Amino acid sequence: MPKLIPKYVSKAKETVRKKFPEMTGIKPTVSARKAGSKGRKGTETLYVLTFQKSILLEDG
């Protein structure tokens, strides 16, 4: 199984932090998914990073 490459995790965290500053410092959970298409040999491992935080909205 391919490994999750740290530079890609860092890039994802940076992208999320720029778009959503309130997510700064949040450590994402990582899940692996197998993906493949019919007629193609083997499967590919895709990684999903989930950033989660509870926040209060202005209108409650």
PDB file of N, CA and C in Angstrom:
ATOM      1  N   MET A   1       0.850  -1.180   0.000  1.00  0.00           N
ATOM      2  CA  MET A   1       0.000   0.000   0.000  1.00  0.00           C
ATOM      3  C   MET A   1       0.893   1.241   0.000  1.00  0.00           C
ATOM      4  N   PRO A   2       0.616   2.189  -0.876  1.00  0.00           N
ATOM      5  CA  PRO A   2       1.401   3.426  -0.901  1.00  0.00           C
ATOM      6  C   PRO A   2       1.255   4.194   0.411  1.00  0.00           C
ATOM      7  N   LYS A   3       2.265   4.930   0.738  1.00  0.00           N
ATOM      8  CA  LYS A   3       2.264   5.724   1.967  1.00  0.00           C
ATOM      9  C   LYS A   3       1.759   7.134   1.678  1.00  0.00           C
ATOM     10  N   LEU A   4       1.199   7.740   2.706  1.00  0.00           N
ATOM     11  CA  LEU A   4       0.773   9.131   2.616  1.00  0.00           C
ATOM     12  C   LEU A   4       2.033   9.994   2.705  1.00  0.00           C
ATOM     13  N   ILE A   5       2.229  10.864   1.751  1.00  0.00           N
ATOM     14  CA  ILE A   5       3.449  11.673   1.678  1.00  0.00           C
ATOM     15  C   ILE A   5       3.250  12.967   2.480  1.00  0.00           C
ATOM     16  N   PRO A   6       4.113  13.202   3.491  1.00  0.00           N
ATOM     17  CA  PRO A   6       3.954  14.356   4.381  1.00  0.00           C
ATOM     18  C   PRO A   6       3.852  15.707   3.673  1.00  0.00           C
ATOM     19  N   LYS A   7       4.574  15.902   2.559  1.00  0.00           N
ATOM     20  CA  LYS A   7       4.507  17.214   1.892  1.00  0.00           C
ATOM     21  C   LYS A   7       3.106  17.480   1.348  1.00  0.00           C
ATOM     22  N   TYR A   8       2.373  16.431   0.970  1.00  0.00           N
ATOM     23  CA  TYR A   8       1.011  16.622   0.480  1.00  0.00           C
ATOM     24  C   TYR A   8       0.054  16.938   1.624  1.00  0.00           C
ATOM     25  N   VAL A   9       0.301  16.351   2.787  1.00  0.00           N
ATOM     26  CA  VAL A   9      -0.509  16.675   3.966  1.00  0.00           C
ATOM     27  C   VAL A   9      -0.273  18.135   4.341  1.00  0.00           C
ATOM     28  N   SER A  10       0.976  18.565   4.330  1.00  0.00           N
ATOM     29  CA  SER A  10       1.303  19.960   4.644  1.00  0.00           C
ATOM     30  C   SER A  10       0.640  20.917   3.663  1.00  0.00           C
ATOM     31  N   LYS A  11       0.655  20.574   2.384  1.00  0.00           N
ATOM     32  CA  LYS A  11       0.030  21.417   1.361  1.00  0.00           C
ATOM     33  C   LYS A  11      -1.480  21.502   1.587  1.00  0.00           C
ATOM     34  N   ALA A  12      -2.106  20.377   1.925  1.00  0.00           N
ATOM     35  CA  ALA A  12      -3.548  20.375   2.188  1.00  0.00           C
ATOM     36  C   ALA A  12      -3.868  21.233   3.408  1.00  0.00           C
ATOM     37  N   LYS A  13      -3.073  21.103   4.470  1.00  0.00           N
ATOM     38  CA  LYS A  13      -3.293  21.903   5.674  1.00  0.00           C
ATOM     39  C   LYS A  13      -3.137  23.390   5.378  1.00  0.00           C
ATOM     40  N   GLU A  14      -2.138  23.750   4.577  1.00  0.00           N
ATOM     41  CA  GLU A  14      -1.909  25.144   4.202  1.00  0.00           C
ATOM     42  C   GLU A  14      -3.089  25.690   3.396  1.00  0.00           C
ATOM     43  N   THR A  15      -3.583  24.902   2.461  1.00  0.00           N
ATOM     44  CA  THR A  15      -4.713  25.316   1.629  1.00  0.00           C
ATOM     45  C   THR A  15      -5.962  25.538   2.475  1.00  0.00           C
ATOM     46  N   VAL A  16      -6.228  24.618   3.394  1.00  0.00           N
ATOM     47  CA  VAL A  16      -7.396  24.747   4.277  1.00  0.00           C
ATOM     48  C   VAL A  16      -7.234  25.972   5.173  1.00  0.00           C
ATOM     49  N   ARG A  17      -6.037  26.173   5.738  1.00  0.00           N
ATOM     50  CA  ARG A  17      -5.789  27.305   6.629  1.00  0.00           C
ATOM     51  C   ARG A  17      -5.983  28.639   5.909  1.00  0.00           C
ATOM     52  N   LYS A  18      -5.566  28.730   4.640  1.00  0.00           N
ATOM     53  CA  LYS A  18      -5.737  29.972   3.880  1.00  0.00           C
ATOM     54  C   LYS A  18      -7.205  30.263   3.601  1.00  0.00           C
ATOM     55  N   LYS A  19      -7.959  29.225   3.281  1.00  0.00           N
ATOM     56  CA  LYS A  19      -9.368  29.415   2.944  1.00  0.00           C
ATOM     57  C   LYS A  19     -10.238  29.556   4.197  1.00  0.00           C
ATOM     58  N   PHE A  20      -9.856  28.843   5.265  1.00  0.00           N
ATOM     59  CA  PHE A  20     -10.622  28.852   6.511  1.00  0.00           C
ATOM     60  C   PHE A  20      -9.665  29.097   7.678  1.00  0.00           C
ATOM     61  N   PRO A  21      -9.330  30.360   7.984  1.00  0.00           N
ATOM     62  CA  PRO A  21      -8.359  30.661   9.037  1.00  0.00           C
ATOM     63  C   PRO A  21      -8.724  30.068  10.398  1.00  0.00           C
ATOM     64  N   GLU A  22     -10.003  29.885  10.660  1.00  0.00           N
ATOM     65  CA  GLU A  22     -10.421  29.319  11.946  1.00  0.00           C
ATOM     66  C   GLU A  22     -10.005  27.853  12.108  1.00  0.00           C
ATOM     67  N   MET A  23      -9.560  27.225  11.032  1.00  0.00           N
ATOM     68  CA  MET A  23      -9.125  25.825  11.087  1.00  0.00           C
ATOM     69  C   MET A  23      -7.629  25.692  11.386  1.00  0.00           C
ATOM     70  N   THR A  24      -6.940  26.814  11.600  1.00  0.00           N
ATOM     71  CA  THR A  24      -5.515  26.783  11.923  1.00  0.00           C
ATOM     72  C   THR A  24      -5.296  25.935  13.171  1.00  0.00           C
ATOM     73  N   GLY A  25      -4.339  25.042  13.096  1.00  0.00           N
ATOM     74  CA  GLY A  25      -3.999  24.194  14.241  1.00  0.00           C
ATOM     75  C   GLY A  25      -4.799  22.910  14.346  1.00  0.00           C
ATOM     76  N   ILE A  26      -5.803  22.738  13.489  1.00  0.00           N
ATOM     77  CA  ILE A  26      -6.615  21.523  13.515  1.00  0.00           C
ATOM     78  C   ILE A  26      -5.856  20.408  12.808  1.00  0.00           C
ATOM     79  N   LYS A  27      -5.763  19.262  13.460  1.00  0.00           N
ATOM     80  CA  LYS A  27      -5.093  18.107  12.861  1.00  0.00           C
ATOM     81  C   LYS A  27      -6.147  17.271  12.144  1.00  0.00           C
ATOM     82  N   PRO A  28      -5.969  17.021  10.854  1.00  0.00           N
ATOM     83  CA  PRO A  28      -6.978  16.266  10.114  1.00  0.00           C
ATOM     84  C   PRO A  28      -6.930  14.772  10.438  1.00  0.00           C
ATOM     85  N   THR A  29      -8.085  14.124  10.301  1.00  0.00           N
ATOM     86  CA  THR A  29      -8.107  12.668  10.345  1.00  0.00           C
ATOM     87  C   THR A  29      -7.889  12.195   8.913  1.00  0.00           C
ATOM     88  N   VAL A  30      -7.270  11.046   8.767  1.00  0.00           N
ATOM     89  CA  VAL A  30      -6.937  10.521   7.446  1.00  0.00           C
ATOM     90  C   VAL A  30      -7.579   9.156   7.274  1.00  0.00           C
ATOM     91  N   SER A  31      -8.239   8.966   6.142  1.00  0.00           N
ATOM     92  CA  SER A  31      -8.784   7.648   5.821  1.00  0.00           C
ATOM     93  C   SER A  31      -8.342   7.278   4.411  1.00  0.00           C
ATOM     94  N   ALA A  32      -8.104   5.990   4.227  1.00  0.00           N
ATOM     95  CA  ALA A  32      -7.666   5.493   2.921  1.00  0.00           C
ATOM     96  C   ALA A  32      -8.848   4.862   2.206  1.00  0.00           C
ATOM     97  N   ARG A  33      -8.942   5.105   0.928  1.00  0.00           N
ATOM     98  CA  ARG A  33     -10.007   4.539   0.095  1.00  0.00           C
ATOM     99  C   ARG A  33      -9.357   3.846  -1.091  1.00  0.00           C
ATOM    100  N   LYS A  34      -9.907   2.726  -1.468  1.00  0.00           N
ATOM    101  CA  LYS A  34      -9.438   2.015  -2.659  1.00  0.00           C
ATOM    102  C   LYS A  34     -10.291   2.467  -3.835  1.00  0.00           C
ATOM    103  N   ALA A  35      -9.654   2.779  -4.928  1.00  0.00           N
ATOM    104  CA  ALA A  35     -10.371   3.218  -6.123  1.00  0.00           C
ATOM    105  C   ALA A  35      -9.828   2.460  -7.326  1.00  0.00           C
ATOM    106  N   GLY A  36     -10.703   2.122  -8.203  1.00  0.00           N
ATOM    107  CA  GLY A  36     -10.304   1.441  -9.429  1.00  0.00           C
ATOM    108  C   GLY A  36     -11.441   1.521 -10.423  1.00  0.00           C
ATOM    109  N   SER A  37     -11.136   1.309 -11.670  1.00  0.00           N
ATOM    110  CA  SER A  37     -12.188   1.342 -12.675  1.00  0.00           C
ATOM    111  C   SER A  37     -12.252  -0.005 -13.373  1.00  0.00           C
ATOM    112  N   LYS A  38     -13.410  -0.313 -13.896  1.00  0.00           N
ATOM    113  CA  LYS A  38     -13.601  -1.579 -14.598  1.00  0.00           C
ATOM    114  C   LYS A  38     -12.658  -1.653 -15.789  1.00  0.00           C
ATOM    115  N   GLY A  39     -12.115  -2.825 -16.005  1.00  0.00           N
ATOM    116  CA  GLY A  39     -11.224  -3.017 -17.130  1.00  0.00           C
ATOM    117  C   GLY A  39      -9.793  -2.572 -16.875  1.00  0.00           C
ATOM    118  N   ARG A  40      -9.551  -2.044 -15.700  1.00  0.00           N
ATOM    119  CA  ARG A  40      -8.206  -1.577 -15.369  1.00  0.00           C
ATOM    120  C   ARG A  40      -7.620  -2.499 -14.306  1.00  0.00           C
ATOM    121  N   LYS A  41      -6.391  -2.862 -14.455  1.00  0.00           N
ATOM    122  CA  LYS A  41      -5.757  -3.752 -13.490  1.00  0.00           C
ATOM    123  C   LYS A  41      -5.455  -3.005 -12.201  1.00  0.00           C
ATOM    124  N   GLY A  42      -5.695  -3.689 -11.083  1.00  0.00           N
ATOM    125  CA  GLY A  42      -5.333  -3.137  -9.787  1.00  0.00           C
ATOM    126  C   GLY A  42      -6.237  -2.020  -9.316  1.00  0.00           C
ATOM    127  N   THR A  43      -5.935  -1.556  -8.143  1.00  0.00           N
ATOM    128  CA  THR A  43      -6.670  -0.440  -7.570  1.00  0.00           C
ATOM    129  C   THR A  43      -5.670   0.608  -7.104  1.00  0.00           C
ATOM    130  N   GLU A  44      -6.173   1.777  -6.885  1.00  0.00           N
ATOM    131  CA  GLU A  44      -5.353   2.896  -6.448  1.00  0.00           C
ATOM    132  C   GLU A  44      -5.799   3.275  -5.045  1.00  0.00           C
ATOM    133  N   THR A  45      -4.866   3.641  -4.182  1.00  0.00           N
ATOM    134  CA  THR A  45      -5.210   4.094  -2.841  1.00  0.00           C
ATOM    135  C   THR A  45      -5.321   5.611  -2.858  1.00  0.00           C
ATOM    136  N   LEU A  46      -6.478   6.102  -2.454  1.00  0.00           N
ATOM    137  CA  LEU A  46      -6.710   7.539  -2.329  1.00  0.00           C
ATOM    138  C   LEU A  46      -6.833   7.861  -0.851  1.00  0.00           C
ATOM    139  N   TYR A  47      -6.322   9.002  -0.444  1.00  0.00           N
ATOM    140  CA  TYR A  47      -6.402   9.408   0.950  1.00  0.00           C
ATOM    141  C   TYR A  47      -7.340  10.600   1.070  1.00  0.00           C
ATOM    142  N   VAL A  48      -8.211  10.552   2.077  1.00  0.00           N
ATOM    143  CA  VAL A  48      -9.150  11.632   2.343  1.00  0.00           C
ATOM    144  C   VAL A  48      -8.763  12.249   3.685  1.00  0.00           C
ATOM    145  N   LEU A  49      -8.486  13.545   3.683  1.00  0.00           N
ATOM    146  CA  LEU A  49      -8.180  14.261   4.914  1.00  0.00           C
ATOM    147  C   LEU A  49      -9.426  15.029   5.323  1.00  0.00           C
ATOM    148  N   THR A  50      -9.859  14.833   6.565  1.00  0.00           N
ATOM    149  CA  THR A  50     -11.059  15.490   7.067  1.00  0.00           C
ATOM    150  C   THR A  50     -10.671  16.443   8.190  1.00  0.00           C
ATOM    151  N   PHE A  51     -10.994  17.710   8.008  1.00  0.00           N
ATOM    152  CA  PHE A  51     -10.744  18.735   9.012  1.00  0.00           C
ATOM    153  C   PHE A  51     -12.073  19.022   9.693  1.00  0.00           C
ATOM    154  N   GLN A  52     -12.095  18.972  11.027  1.00  0.00           N
ATOM    155  CA  GLN A  52     -13.359  19.141  11.735  1.00  0.00           C
ATOM    156  C   GLN A  52     -13.169  20.046  12.946  1.00  0.00           C
ATOM    157  N   LYS A  53     -14.108  20.996  13.104  1.00  0.00           N
ATOM    158  CA  LYS A  53     -14.082  21.902  14.246  1.00  0.00           C
ATOM    159  C   LYS A  53     -15.484  22.451  14.447  1.00  0.00           C
ATOM    160  N   SER A  54     -15.884  22.597  15.686  1.00  0.00           N
ATOM    161  CA  SER A  54     -17.174  23.213  16.000  1.00  0.00           C
ATOM    162  C   SER A  54     -16.951  24.707  16.192  1.00  0.00           C
ATOM    163  N   ILE A  55     -17.778  25.509  15.536  1.00  0.00           N
ATOM    164  CA  ILE A  55     -17.672  26.959  15.665  1.00  0.00           C
ATOM    165  C   ILE A  55     -19.068  27.547  15.836  1.00  0.00           C
ATOM    166  N   LEU A  56     -19.124  28.731  16.408  1.00  0.00           N
ATOM    167  CA  LEU A  56     -20.384  29.449  16.538  1.00  0.00           C
ATOM    168  C   LEU A  56     -20.553  30.361  15.331  1.00  0.00           C
ATOM    169  N   LEU A  57     -21.744  30.377  14.777  1.00  0.00           N
ATOM    170  CA  LEU A  57     -22.037  31.250  13.647  1.00  0.00           C
ATOM    171  C   LEU A  57     -22.592  32.569  14.152  1.00  0.00           C
ATOM    172  N   GLU A  58     -22.438  33.622  13.362  1.00  0.00           N
ATOM    173  CA  GLU A  58     -22.882  34.953  13.759  1.00  0.00           C
ATOM    174  C   GLU A  58     -24.372  35.004  14.072  1.00  0.00           C
ATOM    175  N   ASP A  59     -25.181  34.270  13.296  1.00  0.00           N
ATOM    176  CA  ASP A  59     -26.630  34.326  13.498  1.00  0.00           C
ATOM    177  C   ASP A  59     -27.129  33.236  14.443  1.00  0.00           C
ATOM    178  N   GLY A  60     -26.216  32.579  15.133  1.00  0.00           N
ATOM    179  CA  GLY A  60     -26.584  31.594  16.154  1.00  0.00           C
ATOM    180  C   GLY A  60     -26.705  30.254  15.599  1.00  0.00           C
TER     181      GLY A  60
END
